[in-house]
C-alpha cells in the first residue's frame, strides 16, 4: 500500500492509498504519521522515518461507476485539529485519485465499446 508523507509545524501526516474491496472503491486515508521505530514492525520500509498511523479521515473513491461521488468519513473518537495546509494536501491527493479512477473507467468503457 503506497503512502505519502508531509511534515507541517513539526508534526508528520500520512496519506495512505488502498483498495477497499467491500466498498468497491479506492480508500484514501489521512492519519498522523508515527515514527517508524515506534510501530514495532520488522518489515517496515527501512528508508521511511514515519509510517501511517490510525486513519481519522477516509475518502472512498468509487472506481466502477463514475456517477457515484466520493464520500469522506471521519473516524476519530477524539476531537482532532487538521491544519488547513494539511487538509488542502489531502484533498489534492483525493482529487488526483478521483481523476485517475475516472480516466481508467473511461478507457475501460472505450475498450468495451470497440
PDB file of N, CA and C in Angstrom:
ATOM      1  N   UNK A   1       0.833  -1.168   0.000  1.00  0.00           N
ATOM      2  CA  UNK A   1       0.000   0.000   0.000  1.00  0.00           C
ATOM      3  C   UNK A   1       0.884   1.240   0.000  1.00  0.00           C
ATOM      4  N   UNK A   2       0.815   2.013  -1.043  1.00  0.00           N
ATOM      5  CA  UNK A   2       1.649   3.225  -1.098  1.00  0.00           C
ATOM      6  C   UNK A   2       1.110   4.327  -0.180  1.00  0.00           C
ATOM      7  N   UNK A   3       2.013   5.169   0.256  1.00  0.00           N
ATOM      8  CA  UNK A   3       1.607   6.313   1.054  1.00  0.00           C
ATOM      9  C   UNK A   3       2.511   7.489   0.767  1.00  0.00           C
ATOM     10  N   UNK A   4       2.015   8.674   1.121  1.00  0.00           N
ATOM     11  CA  UNK A   4       2.750   9.932   1.005  1.00  0.00           C
ATOM     12  C   UNK A   4       2.869  10.521   2.401  1.00  0.00           C
ATOM     13  N   UNK A   5       3.982  11.187   2.660  1.00  0.00           N
ATOM     14  CA  UNK A   5       4.193  11.833   3.957  1.00  0.00           C
ATOM     15  C   UNK A   5       4.328  13.334   3.780  1.00  0.00           C
ATOM     16  N   UNK A   6       3.894  14.083   4.800  1.00  0.00           N
ATOM     17  CA  UNK A   6       4.034  15.537   4.806  1.00  0.00           C
ATOM     18  C   UNK A   6       4.315  15.978   6.237  1.00  0.00           C
ATOM     19  N   UNK A   7       5.262  16.877   6.381  1.00  0.00           N
ATOM     20  CA  UNK A   7       5.540  17.463   7.688  1.00  0.00           C
ATOM     21  C   UNK A   7       4.961  18.868   7.699  1.00  0.00           C
ATOM     22  N   UNK A   8       4.296  19.208   8.774  1.00  0.00           N
ATOM     23  CA  UNK A   8       3.729  20.551   8.921  1.00  0.00           C
ATOM     24  C   UNK A   8       3.810  20.958  10.391  1.00  0.00           C
ATOM     25  N   UNK A   9       4.473  22.060  10.650  1.00  0.00           N
ATOM     26  CA  UNK A   9       4.602  22.612  12.002  1.00  0.00           C
ATOM     27  C   UNK A   9       5.119  21.569  12.999  1.00  0.00           C
ATOM     28  N   UNK A  10       6.083  20.781  12.550  1.00  0.00           N
ATOM     29  CA  UNK A  10       6.710  19.802  13.435  1.00  0.00           C
ATOM     30  C   UNK A  10       5.951  18.488  13.593  1.00  0.00           C
ATOM     31  N   UNK A  11       4.812  18.358  12.944  1.00  0.00           N
ATOM     32  CA  UNK A  11       4.045  17.111  13.004  1.00  0.00           C
ATOM     33  C   UNK A  11       4.091  16.450  11.636  1.00  0.00           C
ATOM     34  N   UNK A  12       3.971  15.136  11.644  1.00  0.00           N
ATOM     35  CA  UNK A  12       4.008  14.379  10.399  1.00  0.00           C
ATOM     36  C   UNK A  12       2.629  13.794  10.120  1.00  0.00           C
ATOM     37  N   UNK A  13       2.222  13.864   8.855  1.00  0.00           N
ATOM     38  CA  UNK A  13       0.935  13.336   8.413  1.00  0.00           C
ATOM     39  C   UNK A  13       1.186  12.369   7.270  1.00  0.00           C
ATOM     40  N   UNK A  14       0.276  11.431   7.102  1.00  0.00           N
ATOM     41  CA  UNK A  14       0.411  10.445   6.033  1.00  0.00           C
ATOM     42  C   UNK A  14      -0.918  10.317   5.294  1.00  0.00           C
ATOM     43  N   UNK A  15      -0.809  10.118   3.990  1.00  0.00           N
ATOM     44  CA  UNK A  15      -1.954   9.752   3.161  1.00  0.00           C
ATOM     45  C   UNK A  15      -1.644   8.365   2.615  1.00  0.00           C
ATOM     46  N   UNK A  16      -2.525   7.424   2.917  1.00  0.00           N
ATOM     47  CA  UNK A  16      -2.360   6.033   2.519  1.00  0.00           C
ATOM     48  C   UNK A  16      -3.423   5.687   1.484  1.00  0.00           C
ATOM     49  N   UNK A  17      -3.030   4.962   0.441  1.00  0.00           N
ATOM     50  CA  UNK A  17      -3.943   4.549  -0.626  1.00  0.00           C
ATOM     51  C   UNK A  17      -4.076   3.025  -0.595  1.00  0.00           C
ATOM     52  N   UNK A  18      -5.308   2.538  -0.621  1.00  0.00           N
ATOM     53  CA  UNK A  18      -5.525   1.095  -0.747  1.00  0.00           C
ATOM     54  C   UNK A  18      -6.918   0.854  -1.306  1.00  0.00           C
ATOM     55  N   UNK A  19      -7.127  -0.352  -1.819  1.00  0.00           N
ATOM     56  CA  UNK A  19      -8.437  -0.682  -2.365  1.00  0.00           C
ATOM     57  C   UNK A  19      -9.296  -1.276  -1.266  1.00  0.00           C
ATOM     58  N   UNK A  20     -10.483  -0.712  -1.079  1.00  0.00           N
ATOM     59  CA  UNK A  20     -11.438  -1.197  -0.076  1.00  0.00           C
ATOM     60  C   UNK A  20     -12.442  -2.086  -0.796  1.00  0.00           C
ATOM     61  N   UNK A  21     -12.154  -3.363  -0.843  1.00  0.00           N
ATOM     62  CA  UNK A  21     -12.974  -4.317  -1.591  1.00  0.00           C
ATOM     63  C   UNK A  21     -14.450  -4.293  -1.195  1.00  0.00           C
ATOM     64  N   UNK A  22     -14.790  -4.260   0.096  1.00  0.00           N
ATOM     65  CA  UNK A  22     -16.216  -4.259   0.445  1.00  0.00           C
ATOM     66  C   UNK A  22     -16.976  -3.040  -0.111  1.00  0.00           C
ATOM     67  N   UNK A  23     -16.260  -1.935  -0.304  1.00  0.00           N
ATOM     68  CA  UNK A  23     -16.884  -0.703  -0.801  1.00  0.00           C
ATOM     69  C   UNK A  23     -16.744  -0.544  -2.311  1.00  0.00           C
ATOM     70  N   UNK A  24     -16.021  -1.448  -2.973  1.00  0.00           N
ATOM     71  CA  UNK A  24     -15.726  -1.311  -4.403  1.00  0.00           C
ATOM     72  C   UNK A  24     -15.213   0.088  -4.715  1.00  0.00           C
ATOM     73  N   UNK A  25     -14.228   0.507  -3.928  1.00  0.00           N
ATOM     74  CA  UNK A  25     -13.703   1.863  -4.082  1.00  0.00           C
ATOM     75  C   UNK A  25     -12.269   1.922  -3.567  1.00  0.00           C
ATOM     76  N   UNK A  26     -11.557   2.921  -4.066  1.00  0.00           N
ATOM     77  CA  UNK A  26     -10.233   3.206  -3.525  1.00  0.00           C
ATOM     78  C   UNK A  26     -10.416   4.009  -2.251  1.00  0.00           C
ATOM     79  N   UNK A  27      -9.650   3.678  -1.240  1.00  0.00           N
ATOM     80  CA  UNK A  27      -9.683   4.417   0.020  1.00  0.00           C
ATOM     81  C   UNK A  27      -8.433   5.289   0.085  1.00  0.00           C
ATOM     82  N   UNK A  28      -8.637   6.548   0.408  1.00  0.00           N
ATOM     83  CA  UNK A  28      -7.546   7.493   0.610  1.00  0.00           C
ATOM     84  C   UNK A  28      -7.672   7.933   2.066  1.00  0.00           C
ATOM     85  N   UNK A  29      -6.687   7.555   2.885  1.00  0.00           N
ATOM     86  CA  UNK A  29      -6.767   7.772   4.326  1.00  0.00           C
ATOM     87  C   UNK A  29      -5.772   8.831   4.781  1.00  0.00           C
ATOM     88  N   UNK A  30      -6.232   9.722   5.659  1.00  0.00           N
ATOM     89  CA  UNK A  30      -5.356  10.709   6.288  1.00  0.00           C
ATOM     90  C   UNK A  30      -5.142  10.304   7.738  1.00  0.00           C
ATOM     91  N   UNK A  31      -3.879  10.301   8.158  1.00  0.00           N
ATOM     92  CA  UNK A  31      -3.552   9.975   9.553  1.00  0.00           C
ATOM     93  C   UNK A  31      -2.377  10.827   9.994  1.00  0.00           C
ATOM     94  N   UNK A  32      -2.202  10.869  11.299  1.00  0.00           N
ATOM     95  CA  UNK A  32      -0.983  11.449  11.815  1.00  0.00           C
ATOM     96  C   UNK A  32       0.054  10.339  11.758  1.00  0.00           C
ATOM     97  N   UNK A  33       1.174  10.601  11.123  1.00  0.00           N
ATOM     98  CA  UNK A  33       2.202   9.574  10.958  1.00  0.00           C
ATOM     99  C   UNK A  33       2.921   9.346  12.285  1.00  0.00           C
ATOM    100  N   UNK A  34       3.386   8.121  12.465  1.00  0.00           N
ATOM    101  CA  UNK A  34       4.113   7.755  13.675  1.00  0.00           C
ATOM    102  C   UNK A  34       5.548   7.397  13.298  1.00  0.00           C
ATOM    103  N   UNK A  35       6.478   7.625  14.202  1.00  0.00           N
ATOM    104  CA  UNK A  35       7.867   7.255  13.902  1.00  0.00           C
ATOM    105  C   UNK A  35       7.959   5.767  13.570  1.00  0.00           C
ATOM    106  N   UNK A  36       8.745   5.433  12.572  1.00  0.00           N
ATOM    107  CA  UNK A  36       8.857   4.047  12.118  1.00  0.00           C
ATOM    108  C   UNK A  36       9.304   3.128  13.241  1.00  0.00           C
ATOM    109  N   UNK A  37      10.204   3.581  14.097  1.00  0.00           N
ATOM    110  CA  UNK A  37      10.692   2.741  15.190  1.00  0.00           C
ATOM    111  C   UNK A  37       9.595   2.462  16.214  1.00  0.00           C
ATOM    112  N   UNK A  38       8.614   3.351  16.328  1.00  0.00           N
ATOM    113  CA  UNK A  38       7.551   3.188  17.327  1.00  0.00           C
ATOM    114  C   UNK A  38       6.503   2.162  16.906  1.00  0.00           C
ATOM    115  N   UNK A  39       6.485   1.796  15.622  1.00  0.00           N
ATOM    116  CA  UNK A  39       5.468   0.862  15.154  1.00  0.00           C
ATOM    117  C   UNK A  39       5.774  -0.567  15.559  1.00  0.00           C
ATOM    118  N   UNK A  40       7.060  -0.868  15.763  1.00  0.00           N
ATOM    119  CA  UNK A  40       7.443  -2.214  16.172  1.00  0.00           C
ATOM    120  C   UNK A  40       7.320  -3.244  15.071  1.00  0.00           C
ATOM    121  N   UNK A  41       7.220  -2.801  13.819  1.00  0.00           N
ATOM    122  CA  UNK A  41       7.108  -3.753  12.714  1.00  0.00           C
ATOM    123  C   UNK A  41       8.476  -4.005  12.116  1.00  0.00           C
ATOM    124  N   UNK A  42       8.835  -5.250  12.037  1.00  0.00           N
ATOM    125  CA  UNK A  42      10.142  -5.627  11.497  1.00  0.00           C
ATOM    126  C   UNK A  42      10.195  -5.444   9.987  1.00  0.00           C
ATOM    127  N   UNK A  43       9.049  -5.471   9.320  1.00  0.00           N
ATOM    128  CA  UNK A  43       9.020  -5.376   7.859  1.00  0.00           C
ATOM    129  C   UNK A  43       8.850  -3.946   7.363  1.00  0.00           C
ATOM    130  N   UNK A  44       8.970  -2.967   8.242  1.00  0.00           N
ATOM    131  CA  UNK A  44       8.779  -1.572   7.840  1.00  0.00           C
ATOM    132  C   UNK A  44       9.852  -1.166   6.822  1.00  0.00           C
ATOM    133  N   UNK A  45       9.468  -0.263   5.940  1.00  0.00           N
ATOM    134  CA  UNK A  45      10.386   0.263   4.941  1.00  0.00           C
ATOM    135  C   UNK A  45      11.549   0.946   5.667  1.00  0.00           C
ATOM    136  N   UNK A  46      12.755   0.462   5.453  1.00  0.00           N
ATOM    137  CA  UNK A  46      13.928   0.961   6.170  1.00  0.00           C
ATOM    138  C   UNK A  46      14.226   2.418   5.850  1.00  0.00           C
ATOM    139  N   UNK A  47      13.750   2.926   4.716  1.00  0.00           N
ATOM    140  CA  UNK A  47      14.038   4.305   4.344  1.00  0.00           C
ATOM    141  C   UNK A  47      13.011   5.280   4.906  1.00  0.00           C
ATOM    142  N   UNK A  48      11.907   4.800   5.423  1.00  0.00           N
ATOM    143  CA  UNK A  48      10.858   5.672   5.942  1.00  0.00           C
ATOM    144  C   UNK A  48      11.111   6.004   7.403  1.00  0.00           C
ATOM    145  N   UNK A  49      11.109   7.300   7.719  1.00  0.00           N
ATOM    146  CA  UNK A  49      11.264   7.713   9.109  1.00  0.00           C
ATOM    147  C   UNK A  49       9.932   7.654   9.850  1.00  0.00           C
ATOM    148  N   UNK A  50       8.834   7.795   9.095  1.00  0.00           N
ATOM    149  CA  UNK A  50       7.493   7.751   9.668  1.00  0.00           C
ATOM    150  C   UNK A  50       6.606   6.860   8.808  1.00  0.00           C
ATOM    151  N   UNK A  51       5.611   6.263   9.453  1.00  0.00           N
ATOM    152  CA  UNK A  51       4.651   5.403   8.769  1.00  0.00           C
ATOM    153  C   UNK A  51       3.244   5.886   9.080  1.00  0.00           C
ATOM    154  N   UNK A  52       2.271   5.549   8.240  1.00  0.00           N
ATOM    155  CA  UNK A  52       0.898   5.958   8.522  1.00  0.00           C
ATOM    156  C   UNK A  52       0.422   5.410   9.868  1.00  0.00           C
ATOM    157  N   UNK A  53      -0.316   6.237  10.582  1.00  0.00           N
ATOM    158  CA  UNK A  53      -0.922   5.821  11.843  1.00  0.00           C
ATOM    159  C   UNK A  53      -2.381   5.451  11.609  1.00  0.00           C
ATOM    160  N   UNK A  54      -3.170   5.520  12.651  1.00  0.00           N
ATOM    161  CA  UNK A  54      -4.603   5.219  12.541  1.00  0.00           C
ATOM    162  C   UNK A  54      -5.295   6.354  11.786  1.00  0.00           C
ATOM    163  N   UNK A  55      -6.059   5.991  10.774  1.00  0.00           N
ATOM    164  CA  UNK A  55      -6.729   6.986   9.935  1.00  0.00           C
ATOM    165  C   UNK A  55      -7.815   7.714  10.709  1.00  0.00           C
ATOM    166  N   UNK A  56      -7.905   9.031  10.476  1.00  0.00           N
ATOM    167  CA  UNK A  56      -9.010   9.784  11.062  1.00  0.00           C
ATOM    168  C   UNK A  56      -9.903  10.396   9.995  1.00  0.00           C
ATOM    169  N   UNK A  57      -9.463  10.417   8.757  1.00  0.00           N
ATOM    170  CA  UNK A  57     -10.303  10.782   7.612  1.00  0.00           C
ATOM    171  C   UNK A  57     -10.104   9.718   6.545  1.00  0.00           C
ATOM    172  N   UNK A  58     -11.197   9.224   5.995  1.00  0.00           N
ATOM    173  CA  UNK A  58     -11.120   8.229   4.924  1.00  0.00           C
ATOM    174  C   UNK A  58     -12.064   8.656   3.815  1.00  0.00           C
ATOM    175  N   UNK A  59     -11.528   8.789   2.621  1.00  0.00           N
ATOM    176  CA  UNK A  59     -12.362   9.105   1.465  1.00  0.00           C
ATOM    177  C   UNK A  59     -12.430   7.870   0.582  1.00  0.00           C
ATOM    178  N   UNK A  60     -13.644   7.443   0.261  1.00  0.00           N
ATOM    179  CA  UNK A  60     -13.836   6.320  -0.656  1.00  0.00           C
ATOM    180  C   UNK A  60     -14.127   6.883  -2.040  1.00  0.00           C
ATOM    181  N   UNK A  61     -13.315   6.449  -3.017  1.00  0.00           N
ATOM    182  CA  UNK A  61     -13.443   6.903  -4.398  1.00  0.00           C
ATOM    183  C   UNK A  61     -13.904   5.718  -5.234  1.00  0.00           C
ATOM    184  N   UNK A  62     -15.202   5.688  -5.612  1.00  0.00           N
ATOM    185  CA  UNK A  62     -15.705   4.582  -6.426  1.00  0.00           C
ATOM    186  C   UNK A  62     -14.980   4.529  -7.769  1.00  0.00           C
ATOM    187  N   UNK A  63     -14.631   3.325  -8.208  1.00  0.00           N
ATOM    188  CA  UNK A  63     -13.900   3.204  -9.464  1.00  0.00           C
ATOM    189  C   UNK A  63     -14.667   2.443 -10.539  1.00  0.00           C
ATOM    190  N   UNK A  64     -15.878   1.997 -10.233  1.00  0.00           N
ATOM    191  CA  UNK A  64     -16.632   1.236 -11.218  1.00  0.00           C
ATOM    192  C   UNK A  64     -17.818   2.002 -11.787  1.00  0.00           C
ATOM    193  N   UNK A  65     -18.208   3.101 -11.163  1.00  0.00           N
ATOM    194  CA  UNK A  65     -19.339   3.890 -11.624  1.00  0.00           C
ATOM    195  C   UNK A  65     -18.998   5.369 -11.455  1.00  0.00           C
ATOM    196  N   UNK A  66     -18.739   6.084 -12.564  1.00  0.00           N
ATOM    197  CA  UNK A  66     -18.337   7.487 -12.446  1.00  0.00           C
ATOM    198  C   UNK A  66     -19.453   8.393 -11.936  1.00  0.00           C
ATOM    199  N   UNK A  67     -20.692   7.897 -11.901  1.00  0.00           N
ATOM    200  CA  UNK A  67     -21.795   8.696 -11.374  1.00  0.00           C
ATOM    201  C   UNK A  67     -21.827   8.697  -9.845  1.00  0.00           C
ATOM    202  N   UNK A  68     -21.181   7.716  -9.219  1.00  0.00           N
ATOM    203  CA  UNK A  68     -21.099   7.693  -7.760  1.00  0.00           C
ATOM    204  C   UNK A  68     -20.055   8.706  -7.308  1.00  0.00           C
ATOM    205  N   UNK A  69     -20.394   9.485  -6.311  1.00  0.00           N
ATOM    206  CA  UNK A  69     -19.494  10.519  -5.808  1.00  0.00           C
ATOM    207  C   UNK A  69     -18.629   9.982  -4.672  1.00  0.00           C
ATOM    208  N   UNK A  70     -17.419  10.493  -4.556  1.00  0.00           N
ATOM    209  CA  UNK A  70     -16.581  10.117  -3.411  1.00  0.00           C
ATOM    210  C   UNK A  70     -17.265  10.548  -2.103  1.00  0.00           C
ATOM    211  N   UNK A  71     -16.998   9.817  -1.048  1.00  0.00           N
ATOM    212  CA  UNK A  71     -17.540  10.154   0.268  1.00  0.00           C
ATOM    213  C   UNK A  71     -16.397  10.252   1.263  1.00  0.00           C
ATOM    214  N   UNK A  72     -16.513  11.180   2.192  1.00  0.00           N
ATOM    215  CA  UNK A  72     -15.497  11.374   3.228  1.00  0.00           C
ATOM    216  C   UNK A  72     -16.100  10.938   4.556  1.00  0.00           C
ATOM    217  N   UNK A  73     -15.364  10.089   5.261  1.00  0.00           N
ATOM    218  CA  UNK A  73     -15.799   9.613   6.569  1.00  0.00           C
ATOM    219  C   UNK A  73     -14.801  10.074   7.623  1.00  0.00           C
ATOM    220  N   UNK A  74     -15.330  10.476   8.749  1.00  0.00           N
ATOM    221  CA  UNK A  74     -14.489  10.888   9.870  1.00  0.00           C
ATOM    222  C   UNK A  74     -14.446   9.715  10.849  1.00  0.00           C
ATOM    223  N   UNK A  75     -13.230   9.253  11.153  1.00  0.00           N
ATOM    224  CA  UNK A  75     -13.043   8.082  12.025  1.00  0.00           C
ATOM    225  C   UNK A  75     -12.249   8.470  13.260  1.00  0.00           C
ATOM    226  N   UNK A  76     -12.745   9.354  14.069  1.00  0.00           N
ATOM    227  CA  UNK A  76     -11.955   9.777  15.217  1.00  0.00           C
ATOM    228  C   UNK A  76     -12.820   9.877  16.469  1.00  0.00           C
ATOM    229  N   UNK A  77     -12.469   9.125  17.504  1.00  0.00           N
ATOM    230  CA  UNK A  77     -13.229   9.234  18.752  1.00  0.00           C
ATOM    231  C   UNK A  77     -12.897  10.512  19.524  1.00  0.00           C
ATOM    232  N   UNK A  78     -11.817  11.185  19.137  1.00  0.00           N
ATOM    233  CA  UNK A  78     -11.373  12.393  19.825  1.00  0.00           C
ATOM    234  C   UNK A  78     -11.438  13.576  18.866  1.00  0.00           C
ATOM    235  N   UNK A  79     -11.604  14.751  19.436  1.00  0.00           N
ATOM    236  CA  UNK A  79     -11.554  15.954  18.598  1.00  0.00           C
ATOM    237  C   UNK A  79     -10.160  16.059  17.998  1.00  0.00           C
ATOM    238  N   UNK A  80     -10.107  16.408  16.742  1.00  0.00           N
ATOM    239  CA  UNK A  80      -8.823  16.484  16.062  1.00  0.00           C
ATOM    240  C   UNK A  80      -8.771  17.792  15.268  1.00  0.00           C
ATOM    241  N   UNK A  81      -7.642  18.461  15.320  1.00  0.00           N
ATOM    242  CA  UNK A  81      -7.438  19.682  14.551  1.00  0.00           C
ATOM    243  C   UNK A  81      -6.550  19.326  13.371  1.00  0.00           C
ATOM    244  N   UNK A  82      -7.033  19.650  12.170  1.00  0.00           N
ATOM    245  CA  UNK A  82      -6.259  19.391  10.966  1.00  0.00           C
ATOM    246  C   UNK A  82      -5.883  20.744  10.372  1.00  0.00           C
ATOM    247  N   UNK A  83      -4.587  21.057  10.290  1.00  0.00           N
ATOM    248  CA  UNK A  83      -4.182  22.333   9.714  1.00  0.00           C
ATOM    249  C   UNK A  83      -4.683  22.478   8.271  1.00  0.00           C
ATOM    250  N   UNK A  84      -5.004  23.688   7.905  1.00  0.00           N
ATOM    251  CA  UNK A  84      -5.523  23.982   6.580  1.00  0.00           C
ATOM    252  C   UNK A  84      -4.615  23.441   5.475  1.00  0.00           C
ATOM    253  N   UNK A  85      -3.314  23.661   5.582  1.00  0.00           N
ATOM    254  CA  UNK A  85      -2.381  23.201   4.543  1.00  0.00           C
ATOM    255  C   UNK A  85      -2.390  21.678   4.416  1.00  0.00           C
ATOM    256  N   UNK A  86      -2.540  20.985   5.538  1.00  0.00           N
ATOM    257  CA  UNK A  86      -2.595  19.519   5.510  1.00  0.00           C
ATOM    258  C   UNK A  86      -3.893  19.067   4.849  1.00  0.00           C
ATOM    259  N   UNK A  87      -5.005  19.733   5.177  1.00  0.00           N
ATOM    260  CA  UNK A  87      -6.285  19.379   4.566  1.00  0.00           C
ATOM    261  C   UNK A  87      -6.265  19.643   3.062  1.00  0.00           C
ATOM    262  N   UNK A  88      -5.662  20.732   2.646  1.00  0.00           N
ATOM    263  CA  UNK A  88      -5.528  21.011   1.204  1.00  0.00           C
ATOM    264  C   UNK A  88      -4.710  19.923   0.518  1.00  0.00           C
ATOM    265  N   UNK A  89      -3.595  19.543   1.126  1.00  0.00           N
ATOM    266  CA  UNK A  89      -2.737  18.496   0.575  1.00  0.00           C
ATOM    267  C   UNK A  89      -3.515  17.190   0.452  1.00  0.00           C
ATOM    268  N   UNK A  90      -4.262  16.838   1.503  1.00  0.00           N
ATOM    269  CA  UNK A  90      -5.070  15.615   1.485  1.00  0.00           C
ATOM    270  C   UNK A  90      -6.116  15.671   0.369  1.00  0.00           C
ATOM    271  N   UNK A  91      -6.828  16.767   0.260  1.00  0.00           N
ATOM    272  CA  UNK A  91      -7.871  16.874  -0.760  1.00  0.00           C
ATOM    273  C   UNK A  91      -7.280  16.874  -2.175  1.00  0.00           C
ATOM    274  N   UNK A  92      -6.060  17.384  -2.348  1.00  0.00           N
ATOM    275  CA  UNK A  92      -5.385  17.279  -3.647  1.00  0.00           C
ATOM    276  C   UNK A  92      -5.105  15.815  -3.976  1.00  0.00           C
ATOM    277  N   UNK A  93      -4.693  15.042  -2.965  1.00  0.00           N
ATOM    278  CA  UNK A  93      -4.452  13.614  -3.171  1.00  0.00           C
ATOM    279  C   UNK A  93      -5.759  12.912  -3.551  1.00  0.00           C
ATOM    280  N   UNK A  94      -6.854  13.269  -2.880  1.00  0.00           N
ATOM    281  CA  UNK A  94      -8.170  12.692  -3.187  1.00  0.00           C
ATOM    282  C   UNK A  94      -8.577  13.064  -4.611  1.00  0.00           C
ATOM    283  N   UNK A  95      -8.423  14.341  -4.979  1.00  0.00           N
ATOM    284  CA  UNK A  95      -8.802  14.796  -6.323  1.00  0.00           C
ATOM    285  C   UNK A  95      -8.005  14.052  -7.395  1.00  0.00           C
ATOM    286  N   UNK A  96      -6.723  13.823  -7.152  1.00  0.00           N
ATOM    287  CA  UNK A  96      -5.899  13.066  -8.100  1.00  0.00           C
ATOM    288  C   UNK A  96      -6.404  11.628  -8.239  1.00  0.00           C
ATOM    289  N   UNK A  97      -6.805  11.014  -7.119  1.00  0.00           N
ATOM    290  CA  UNK A  97      -7.314   9.648  -7.162  1.00  0.00           C
ATOM    291  C   UNK A  97      -8.640   9.593  -7.918  1.00  0.00           C
ATOM    292  N   UNK A  98      -9.512  10.578  -7.712  1.00  0.00           N
ATOM    293  CA  UNK A  98     -10.784  10.647  -8.442  1.00  0.00           C
ATOM    294  C   UNK A  98     -10.505  10.733  -9.937  1.00  0.00           C
ATOM    295  N   UNK A  99      -9.575  11.589 -10.320  1.00  0.00           N
ATOM    296  CA  UNK A  99      -9.240  11.749 -11.735  1.00  0.00           C
ATOM    297  C   UNK A  99      -8.695  10.449 -12.325  1.00  0.00           C
ATOM    298  N   UNK A 100      -7.798   9.776 -11.602  1.00  0.00           N
ATOM    299  CA  UNK A 100      -7.245   8.509 -12.092  1.00  0.00           C
ATOM    300  C   UNK A 100      -8.344   7.465 -12.280  1.00  0.00           C
ATOM    301  N   UNK A 101      -9.270   7.379 -11.322  1.00  0.00           N
ATOM    302  CA  UNK A 101     -10.354   6.395 -11.419  1.00  0.00           C
ATOM    303  C   UNK A 101     -11.275   6.694 -12.591  1.00  0.00           C
ATOM    304  N   UNK A 102     -11.581   7.955 -12.801  1.00  0.00           N
ATOM    305  CA  UNK A 102     -12.478   8.319 -13.907  1.00  0.00           C
ATOM    306  C   UNK A 102     -11.818   8.099 -15.262  1.00  0.00           C
ATOM    307  N   UNK A 103     -10.529   8.387 -15.362  1.00  0.00           N
ATOM    308  CA  UNK A 103      -9.810   8.129 -16.616  1.00  0.00           C
ATOM    309  C   UNK A 103      -9.776   6.629 -16.888  1.00  0.00           C
ATOM    310  N   UNK A 104      -9.476   5.850 -15.862  1.00  0.00           N
ATOM    311  CA  UNK A 104      -9.427   4.393 -16.033  1.00  0.00           C
ATOM    312  C   UNK A 104     -10.789   3.855 -16.448  1.00  0.00           C
ATOM    313  N   UNK A 105     -11.856   4.392 -15.854  1.00  0.00           N
ATOM    314  CA  UNK A 105     -13.202   3.944 -16.212  1.00  0.00           C
ATOM    315  C   UNK A 105     -13.499   4.266 -17.681  1.00  0.00           C
ATOM    316  N   UNK A 106     -13.161   5.497 -18.096  1.00  0.00           N
ATOM    317  CA  UNK A 106     -13.404   5.901 -19.477  1.00  0.00           C
ATOM    318  C   UNK A 106     -12.613   5.022 -20.462  1.00  0.00           C
ATOM    319  N   UNK A 107     -11.385   4.714 -20.120  1.00  0.00           N
ATOM    320  CA  UNK A 107     -10.572   3.874 -21.001  1.00  0.00           C
ATOM    321  C   UNK A 107     -11.141   2.468 -21.063  1.00  0.00           C
ATOM    322  N   UNK A 108     -11.583   1.957 -19.941  1.00  0.00           N
ATOM    323  CA  UNK A 108     -12.208   0.629 -19.922  1.00  0.00           C
ATOM    324  C   UNK A 108     -13.504   0.616 -20.687  1.00  0.00           C
ATOM    325  N   UNK A 109     -14.282   1.701 -20.579  1.00  0.00           N
ATOM    326  CA  UNK A 109     -15.561   1.802 -21.286  1.00  0.00           C
ATOM    327  C   UNK A 109     -15.320   1.884 -22.783  1.00  0.00           C
ATOM    328  N   UNK A 110     -14.294   2.623 -23.193  1.00  0.00           N
ATOM    329  CA  UNK A 110     -13.969   2.742 -24.610  1.00  0.00           C
ATOM    330  C   UNK A 110     -13.540   1.383 -25.163  1.00  0.00           C
ATOM    331  N   UNK A 111     -12.737   0.643 -24.397  1.00  0.00           N
ATOM    332  CA  UNK A 111     -12.287  -0.667 -24.856  1.00  0.00           C
ATOM    333  C   UNK A 111     -13.474  -1.634 -24.992  1.00  0.00           C
ATOM    334  N   UNK A 112     -14.455  -1.522 -24.091  1.00  0.00           N
ATOM    335  CA  UNK A 112     -15.617  -2.396 -24.134  1.00  0.00           C
ATOM    336  C   UNK A 112     -16.477  -2.120 -25.355  1.00  0.00           C
ATOM    337  N   UNK A 113     -16.632  -0.840 -25.707  1.00  0.00           N
ATOM    338  CA  UNK A 113     -17.473  -0.450 -26.840  1.00  0.00           C
ATOM    339  C   UNK A 113     -16.846  -0.893 -28.143  1.00  0.00           C
ATOM    340  N   UNK A 114     -15.550  -0.801 -28.282  1.00  0.00           N
ATOM    341  CA  UNK A 114     -14.884  -1.166 -29.526  1.00  0.00           C
ATOM    342  C   UNK A 114     -14.989  -2.627 -29.710  1.00  0.00           C
TER     343      UNK A 114
END
